[in-house]
Amino acid sequence: MNEFLDILTHGRRLQGAVKDLSVEELLAVQEKLANIVEKRKEKEEEKQKADQEKLAKIADIQKQMEVAGVDLNDLKALPSEKKKRASGKKRPVKYQIKDAQGETHSWTGIGRTPKIFKEAIDNGKDLKDFSI
């Protein structure tokens, strides 16, 4: 791409690159370049217009804030309206079991069954036996 730009932007290199083209082909290339330039100009004008509209809206909002007596710091001080997570309350324990060493293991009944409960159930115990 760099080489293309070097040829395109350098007069003598461009002339050497297109020396084998006919006048009709050169005119076609000229027309295509003119279309590209025109589209680029239109896009630039649209962008400038959008930027001006945005600046006008900002100025309008600033005027409204002045009339209302609101400062930018007042807006920053407002609490955000993000969804808050659950209050973080832990679920109540539903089941407890003591192991051979006398340690108490508890489980809420939600999620994967702990190994100690699974082993006890596999050995014929019922989960209701460990209810609190």
N, C-alpha and C. Protein backbone atom coordinates (compact mmCIF):
# COMPACT_ATOMS: atom_id res chain seq x y z
N MET A 1 0.83 -1.19 0.00
CA MET A 1 0.00 0.00 0.00
C MET A 1 0.87 1.25 0.00
N ASN A 2 1.98 1.23 0.74
CA ASN A 2 2.87 2.37 0.76
C ASN A 2 3.42 2.68 -0.62
N GLU A 3 3.79 1.64 -1.35
CA GLU A 3 4.34 1.83 -2.69
C GLU A 3 3.28 2.46 -3.60
N PHE A 4 2.04 2.02 -3.46
CA PHE A 4 0.95 2.59 -4.26
C PHE A 4 0.81 4.08 -3.99
N LEU A 5 0.85 4.45 -2.71
CA LEU A 5 0.74 5.86 -2.35
C LEU A 5 1.93 6.66 -2.85
N ASP A 6 3.11 6.07 -2.78
CA ASP A 6 4.29 6.76 -3.29
C ASP A 6 4.14 7.06 -4.78
N ILE A 7 3.67 6.10 -5.54
CA ILE A 7 3.49 6.30 -6.98
C ILE A 7 2.38 7.31 -7.24
N LEU A 8 1.28 7.17 -6.51
CA LEU A 8 0.13 8.03 -6.74
C LEU A 8 0.41 9.49 -6.39
N THR A 9 1.20 9.73 -5.39
CA THR A 9 1.43 11.10 -4.94
C THR A 9 2.68 11.74 -5.55
N HIS A 10 3.45 11.00 -6.29
CA HIS A 10 4.66 11.55 -6.93
C HIS A 10 4.39 11.68 -8.42
N GLY A 11 4.50 12.90 -8.93
CA GLY A 11 4.13 13.19 -10.32
C GLY A 11 4.84 12.35 -11.35
N ARG A 12 6.15 12.29 -11.27
CA ARG A 12 6.91 11.55 -12.29
C ARG A 12 6.67 10.05 -12.19
N ARG A 13 6.60 9.54 -10.97
CA ARG A 13 6.37 8.10 -10.81
C ARG A 13 4.98 7.73 -11.32
N LEU A 14 4.00 8.59 -11.08
CA LEU A 14 2.64 8.35 -11.58
C LEU A 14 2.62 8.38 -13.10
N GLN A 15 3.30 9.34 -13.68
CA GLN A 15 3.33 9.45 -15.14
C GLN A 15 3.98 8.21 -15.74
N GLY A 16 5.03 7.71 -15.11
CA GLY A 16 5.68 6.50 -15.61
C GLY A 16 4.79 5.28 -15.47
N ALA A 17 3.98 5.24 -14.39
CA ALA A 17 3.13 4.08 -14.15
C ALA A 17 1.95 4.02 -15.12
N VAL A 18 1.49 5.17 -15.60
CA VAL A 18 0.31 5.19 -16.47
C VAL A 18 0.67 5.45 -17.93
N LYS A 19 1.94 5.40 -18.28
CA LYS A 19 2.35 5.73 -19.65
C LYS A 19 1.79 4.78 -20.69
N ASP A 20 1.48 3.53 -20.29
CA ASP A 20 0.95 2.56 -21.25
C ASP A 20 -0.56 2.60 -21.37
N LEU A 21 -1.24 3.43 -20.55
CA LEU A 21 -2.70 3.51 -20.61
C LEU A 21 -3.13 4.44 -21.74
N SER A 22 -4.28 4.10 -22.32
CA SER A 22 -4.83 4.95 -23.38
C SER A 22 -5.53 6.14 -22.75
N VAL A 23 -5.89 7.11 -23.58
CA VAL A 23 -6.57 8.30 -23.08
C VAL A 23 -7.91 7.91 -22.47
N GLU A 24 -8.63 6.97 -23.09
CA GLU A 24 -9.92 6.53 -22.55
C GLU A 24 -9.76 5.91 -21.17
N GLU A 25 -8.73 5.10 -21.01
CA GLU A 25 -8.48 4.47 -19.72
C GLU A 25 -8.11 5.52 -18.67
N LEU A 26 -7.31 6.50 -19.05
CA LEU A 26 -6.96 7.58 -18.13
C LEU A 26 -8.18 8.38 -17.71
N LEU A 27 -9.08 8.62 -18.67
CA LEU A 27 -10.31 9.35 -18.35
C LEU A 27 -11.19 8.54 -17.39
N ALA A 28 -11.23 7.22 -17.59
CA ALA A 28 -12.02 6.36 -16.69
C ALA A 28 -11.43 6.40 -15.27
N VAL A 29 -10.09 6.37 -15.18
CA VAL A 29 -9.43 6.44 -13.88
C VAL A 29 -9.71 7.79 -13.23
N GLN A 30 -9.65 8.85 -14.04
CA GLN A 30 -9.92 10.19 -13.53
C GLN A 30 -11.34 10.29 -12.98
N GLU A 31 -12.28 9.72 -13.70
CA GLU A 31 -13.69 9.75 -13.27
C GLU A 31 -13.87 8.99 -11.95
N LYS A 32 -13.23 7.82 -11.83
CA LYS A 32 -13.33 7.02 -10.60
C LYS A 32 -12.71 7.77 -9.42
N LEU A 33 -11.57 8.41 -9.65
CA LEU A 33 -10.95 9.19 -8.58
C LEU A 33 -11.81 10.37 -8.18
N ALA A 34 -12.44 11.00 -9.16
CA ALA A 34 -13.32 12.13 -8.87
C ALA A 34 -14.50 11.69 -8.02
N ASN A 35 -15.06 10.51 -8.32
CA ASN A 35 -16.17 9.97 -7.52
C ASN A 35 -15.72 9.69 -6.08
N ILE A 36 -14.53 9.14 -5.95
CA ILE A 36 -14.01 8.84 -4.62
C ILE A 36 -13.82 10.12 -3.82
N VAL A 37 -13.26 11.15 -4.47
CA VAL A 37 -13.04 12.43 -3.81
C VAL A 37 -14.37 13.06 -3.41
N GLU A 38 -15.35 12.99 -4.28
CA GLU A 38 -16.66 13.58 -3.98
C GLU A 38 -17.33 12.89 -2.79
N LYS A 39 -17.27 11.56 -2.76
CA LYS A 39 -17.85 10.82 -1.63
C LYS A 39 -17.14 11.15 -0.33
N ARG A 40 -15.83 11.29 -0.40
CA ARG A 40 -15.06 11.63 0.80
C ARG A 40 -15.44 13.01 1.31
N LYS A 41 -15.63 13.96 0.39
CA LYS A 41 -16.04 15.31 0.78
C LYS A 41 -17.41 15.29 1.46
N GLU A 42 -18.34 14.50 0.90
CA GLU A 42 -19.67 14.39 1.48
C GLU A 42 -19.61 13.83 2.89
N LYS A 43 -18.79 12.79 3.09
CA LYS A 43 -18.65 12.19 4.42
C LYS A 43 -18.08 13.19 5.40
N GLU A 44 -17.08 13.96 4.97
CA GLU A 44 -16.49 14.96 5.84
C GLU A 44 -17.51 16.04 6.22
N GLU A 45 -18.31 16.47 5.25
CA GLU A 45 -19.34 17.47 5.53
C GLU A 45 -20.37 16.93 6.50
N GLU A 46 -20.78 15.67 6.33
CA GLU A 46 -21.74 15.05 7.24
C GLU A 46 -21.16 14.96 8.65
N LYS A 47 -19.89 14.61 8.76
CA LYS A 47 -19.24 14.49 10.06
C LYS A 47 -19.18 15.87 10.73
N GLN A 48 -18.81 16.90 9.97
CA GLN A 48 -18.74 18.24 10.53
C GLN A 48 -20.12 18.71 10.98
N LYS A 49 -21.14 18.40 10.18
CA LYS A 49 -22.50 18.79 10.54
C LYS A 49 -22.94 18.09 11.83
N ALA A 50 -22.63 16.78 11.94
CA ALA A 50 -22.98 16.03 13.14
C ALA A 50 -22.25 16.59 14.36
N ASP A 51 -20.98 16.95 14.18
CA ASP A 51 -20.21 17.53 15.29
C ASP A 51 -20.81 18.87 15.72
N GLN A 52 -21.22 19.68 14.76
CA GLN A 52 -21.82 20.97 15.09
C GLN A 52 -23.15 20.78 15.83
N GLU A 53 -23.95 19.81 15.39
CA GLU A 53 -25.21 19.53 16.07
C GLU A 53 -24.97 19.07 17.50
N LYS A 54 -23.95 18.24 17.67
CA LYS A 54 -23.63 17.76 19.00
C LYS A 54 -23.21 18.92 19.90
N LEU A 55 -22.37 19.80 19.39
CA LEU A 55 -21.94 20.96 20.17
C LEU A 55 -23.13 21.86 20.51
N ALA A 56 -24.06 22.01 19.56
CA ALA A 56 -25.25 22.82 19.82
C ALA A 56 -26.10 22.19 20.93
N LYS A 57 -26.24 20.88 20.90
CA LYS A 57 -27.00 20.18 21.95
C LYS A 57 -26.33 20.35 23.31
N ILE A 58 -25.01 20.26 23.32
CA ILE A 58 -24.28 20.42 24.57
C ILE A 58 -24.49 21.83 25.12
N ALA A 59 -24.41 22.83 24.24
CA ALA A 59 -24.63 24.21 24.67
C ALA A 59 -26.05 24.39 25.21
N ASP A 60 -27.02 23.76 24.55
CA ASP A 60 -28.41 23.85 24.99
C ASP A 60 -28.58 23.22 26.38
N ILE A 61 -27.96 22.10 26.58
CA ILE A 61 -28.05 21.41 27.88
C ILE A 61 -27.38 22.25 28.96
N GLN A 62 -26.25 22.88 28.62
CA GLN A 62 -25.58 23.74 29.60
C GLN A 62 -26.47 24.91 29.99
N LYS A 63 -27.16 25.49 29.01
CA LYS A 63 -28.08 26.59 29.32
C LYS A 63 -29.21 26.11 30.23
N GLN A 64 -29.76 24.93 29.93
CA GLN A 64 -30.84 24.38 30.75
C GLN A 64 -30.34 24.13 32.18
N MET A 65 -29.11 23.66 32.31
CA MET A 65 -28.55 23.42 33.64
C MET A 65 -28.38 24.72 34.41
N GLU A 66 -27.94 25.78 33.71
CA GLU A 66 -27.78 27.08 34.36
C GLU A 66 -29.13 27.61 34.83
N VAL A 67 -30.15 27.48 33.98
CA VAL A 67 -31.49 27.95 34.35
C VAL A 67 -32.02 27.17 35.56
N ALA A 68 -31.75 25.87 35.58
CA ALA A 68 -32.25 25.03 36.67
C ALA A 68 -31.38 25.14 37.92
N GLY A 69 -30.22 25.75 37.79
CA GLY A 69 -29.33 25.87 38.94
C GLY A 69 -28.61 24.59 39.27
N VAL A 70 -28.38 23.77 38.27
CA VAL A 70 -27.71 22.49 38.45
C VAL A 70 -26.28 22.60 37.94
N ASP A 71 -25.37 22.04 38.72
CA ASP A 71 -23.96 22.06 38.36
C ASP A 71 -23.55 20.65 37.93
N LEU A 72 -22.49 20.55 37.17
CA LEU A 72 -22.00 19.25 36.73
C LEU A 72 -21.63 18.38 37.92
N ASN A 73 -21.10 18.97 38.96
CA ASN A 73 -20.76 18.22 40.17
C ASN A 73 -22.00 17.63 40.84
N ASP A 74 -23.15 18.32 40.70
CA ASP A 74 -24.40 17.78 41.25
C ASP A 74 -24.79 16.50 40.53
N LEU A 75 -24.57 16.47 39.23
CA LEU A 75 -24.89 15.26 38.47
C LEU A 75 -23.95 14.12 38.81
N LYS A 76 -22.69 14.45 39.03
CA LYS A 76 -21.73 13.40 39.39
C LYS A 76 -22.02 12.83 40.76
N ALA A 77 -22.60 13.64 41.64
CA ALA A 77 -22.87 13.21 43.01
C ALA A 77 -24.08 12.28 43.10
N LEU A 78 -24.90 12.22 42.06
CA LEU A 78 -26.08 11.35 42.09
C LEU A 78 -25.64 9.90 42.16
N PRO A 79 -26.36 9.09 42.93
CA PRO A 79 -26.02 7.67 42.96
C PRO A 79 -26.34 7.04 41.62
N SER A 80 -25.49 6.14 41.22
CA SER A 80 -25.73 5.47 39.94
C SER A 80 -26.91 4.52 40.09
N GLU A 81 -27.59 4.28 38.98
CA GLU A 81 -28.77 3.43 39.01
C GLU A 81 -28.46 2.03 38.51
N LYS A 82 -27.29 1.54 38.87
CA LYS A 82 -26.94 0.19 38.49
C LYS A 82 -27.77 -0.79 39.31
N LYS A 83 -28.01 -1.93 38.72
CA LYS A 83 -28.74 -2.95 39.46
C LYS A 83 -27.86 -3.43 40.60
N LYS A 84 -28.44 -3.45 41.75
CA LYS A 84 -27.70 -3.90 42.91
C LYS A 84 -27.83 -5.41 43.02
N ARG A 85 -26.76 -6.01 43.45
CA ARG A 85 -26.77 -7.44 43.66
C ARG A 85 -27.61 -7.76 44.90
N ALA A 86 -27.85 -9.00 45.08
CA ALA A 86 -28.60 -9.43 46.25
C ALA A 86 -27.88 -8.93 47.49
N SER A 87 -28.60 -8.79 48.55
CA SER A 87 -28.06 -8.16 49.75
C SER A 87 -26.90 -8.95 50.36
N GLY A 88 -26.60 -10.09 49.85
CA GLY A 88 -25.48 -10.85 50.36
C GLY A 88 -25.83 -11.72 51.55
N LYS A 89 -27.12 -11.86 51.83
CA LYS A 89 -27.53 -12.70 52.95
C LYS A 89 -27.22 -14.15 52.61
N LYS A 90 -26.69 -14.83 53.58
CA LYS A 90 -26.39 -16.24 53.36
C LYS A 90 -27.66 -17.06 53.51
N ARG A 91 -27.67 -18.13 52.80
CA ARG A 91 -28.83 -19.03 52.88
C ARG A 91 -28.76 -19.80 54.21
N PRO A 92 -29.90 -20.12 54.74
CA PRO A 92 -29.90 -20.85 56.01
C PRO A 92 -29.42 -22.29 55.82
N VAL A 93 -28.72 -22.78 56.81
CA VAL A 93 -28.23 -24.15 56.78
C VAL A 93 -29.40 -25.09 57.04
N LYS A 94 -29.55 -26.11 56.21
CA LYS A 94 -30.65 -27.05 56.36
C LYS A 94 -30.20 -28.39 56.91
N TYR A 95 -28.92 -28.74 56.66
CA TYR A 95 -28.45 -30.07 57.05
C TYR A 95 -27.11 -29.96 57.76
N GLN A 96 -26.93 -30.82 58.77
CA GLN A 96 -25.65 -30.91 59.48
C GLN A 96 -25.32 -32.36 59.73
N ILE A 97 -24.02 -32.62 59.73
CA ILE A 97 -23.54 -33.97 59.98
C ILE A 97 -22.21 -33.87 60.72
N LYS A 98 -21.94 -34.85 61.60
CA LYS A 98 -20.64 -34.90 62.29
C LYS A 98 -19.85 -36.05 61.69
N ASP A 99 -18.56 -35.76 61.44
CA ASP A 99 -17.71 -36.81 60.88
C ASP A 99 -17.07 -37.62 62.01
N ALA A 100 -16.19 -38.54 61.66
CA ALA A 100 -15.56 -39.43 62.64
C ALA A 100 -14.68 -38.67 63.62
N GLN A 101 -14.14 -37.53 63.22
CA GLN A 101 -13.28 -36.74 64.11
C GLN A 101 -14.09 -35.79 64.99
N GLY A 102 -15.40 -35.77 64.82
CA GLY A 102 -16.26 -34.93 65.63
C GLY A 102 -16.50 -33.54 65.06
N GLU A 103 -16.02 -33.30 63.85
CA GLU A 103 -16.24 -31.99 63.22
C GLU A 103 -17.64 -31.93 62.63
N THR A 104 -18.29 -30.79 62.77
CA THR A 104 -19.63 -30.60 62.23
C THR A 104 -19.52 -30.00 60.84
N HIS A 105 -20.21 -30.61 59.89
CA HIS A 105 -20.27 -30.12 58.51
C HIS A 105 -21.71 -29.72 58.23
N SER A 106 -21.87 -28.53 57.64
CA SER A 106 -23.22 -28.06 57.35
C SER A 106 -23.38 -27.83 55.85
N TRP A 107 -24.64 -27.85 55.42
CA TRP A 107 -24.95 -27.69 54.00
C TRP A 107 -26.32 -27.04 53.89
N THR A 108 -26.47 -26.12 52.92
CA THR A 108 -27.74 -25.43 52.72
C THR A 108 -28.72 -26.24 51.90
N GLY A 109 -28.26 -27.28 51.28
CA GLY A 109 -29.13 -28.10 50.44
C GLY A 109 -29.14 -27.62 49.00
N ILE A 110 -28.35 -26.59 48.70
CA ILE A 110 -28.29 -26.04 47.35
C ILE A 110 -26.91 -26.29 46.80
N GLY A 111 -26.86 -26.63 45.55
CA GLY A 111 -25.58 -26.88 44.91
C GLY A 111 -25.18 -28.34 45.02
N ARG A 112 -23.94 -28.57 44.71
CA ARG A 112 -23.42 -29.93 44.70
C ARG A 112 -23.38 -30.51 46.12
N THR A 113 -23.77 -31.75 46.24
CA THR A 113 -23.79 -32.41 47.55
C THR A 113 -22.37 -32.61 48.04
N PRO A 114 -22.06 -32.16 49.25
CA PRO A 114 -20.72 -32.38 49.80
C PRO A 114 -20.43 -33.88 49.94
N LYS A 115 -19.13 -34.21 49.86
CA LYS A 115 -18.72 -35.62 49.88
C LYS A 115 -19.22 -36.35 51.12
N ILE A 116 -19.12 -35.70 52.26
CA ILE A 116 -19.51 -36.38 53.51
C ILE A 116 -20.99 -36.74 53.51
N PHE A 117 -21.84 -35.86 52.97
CA PHE A 117 -23.27 -36.15 52.88
C PHE A 117 -23.51 -37.25 51.85
N LYS A 118 -22.81 -37.17 50.72
CA LYS A 118 -22.98 -38.16 49.66
C LYS A 118 -22.59 -39.56 50.14
N GLU A 119 -21.47 -39.63 50.88
CA GLU A 119 -21.03 -40.93 51.41
C GLU A 119 -22.06 -41.50 52.39
N ALA A 120 -22.62 -40.65 53.23
CA ALA A 120 -23.60 -41.11 54.22
C ALA A 120 -24.87 -41.60 53.51
N ILE A 121 -25.29 -40.88 52.47
CA ILE A 121 -26.49 -41.29 51.72
C ILE A 121 -26.23 -42.60 50.99
N ASP A 122 -25.01 -42.75 50.43
CA ASP A 122 -24.66 -43.98 49.73
C ASP A 122 -24.62 -45.18 50.69
N ASN A 123 -24.36 -44.91 51.97
CA ASN A 123 -24.31 -45.97 52.97
C ASN A 123 -25.67 -46.26 53.59
N GLY A 124 -26.74 -45.73 53.01
CA GLY A 124 -28.07 -46.10 53.46
C GLY A 124 -28.78 -45.06 54.30
N LYS A 125 -28.14 -43.97 54.63
CA LYS A 125 -28.81 -42.93 55.41
C LYS A 125 -29.71 -42.12 54.49
N ASP A 126 -30.68 -41.43 55.09
CA ASP A 126 -31.58 -40.58 54.34
C ASP A 126 -31.19 -39.12 54.61
N LEU A 127 -31.35 -38.28 53.64
CA LEU A 127 -30.97 -36.86 53.81
C LEU A 127 -31.80 -36.23 54.93
N LYS A 128 -33.01 -36.70 55.13
CA LYS A 128 -33.87 -36.16 56.20
C LYS A 128 -33.26 -36.41 57.58
N ASP A 129 -32.40 -37.40 57.69
CA ASP A 129 -31.77 -37.70 58.98
C ASP A 129 -30.84 -36.58 59.43
N PHE A 130 -30.39 -35.75 58.49
CA PHE A 130 -29.42 -34.69 58.82
C PHE A 130 -30.08 -33.33 58.89
N SER A 131 -31.41 -33.25 58.77
CA SER A 131 -32.11 -31.98 58.82
C SER A 131 -31.95 -31.32 60.17
N ILE A 132 -31.91 -30.01 60.16
CA ILE A 132 -31.79 -29.26 61.42
C ILE A 132 -33.18 -28.91 61.90
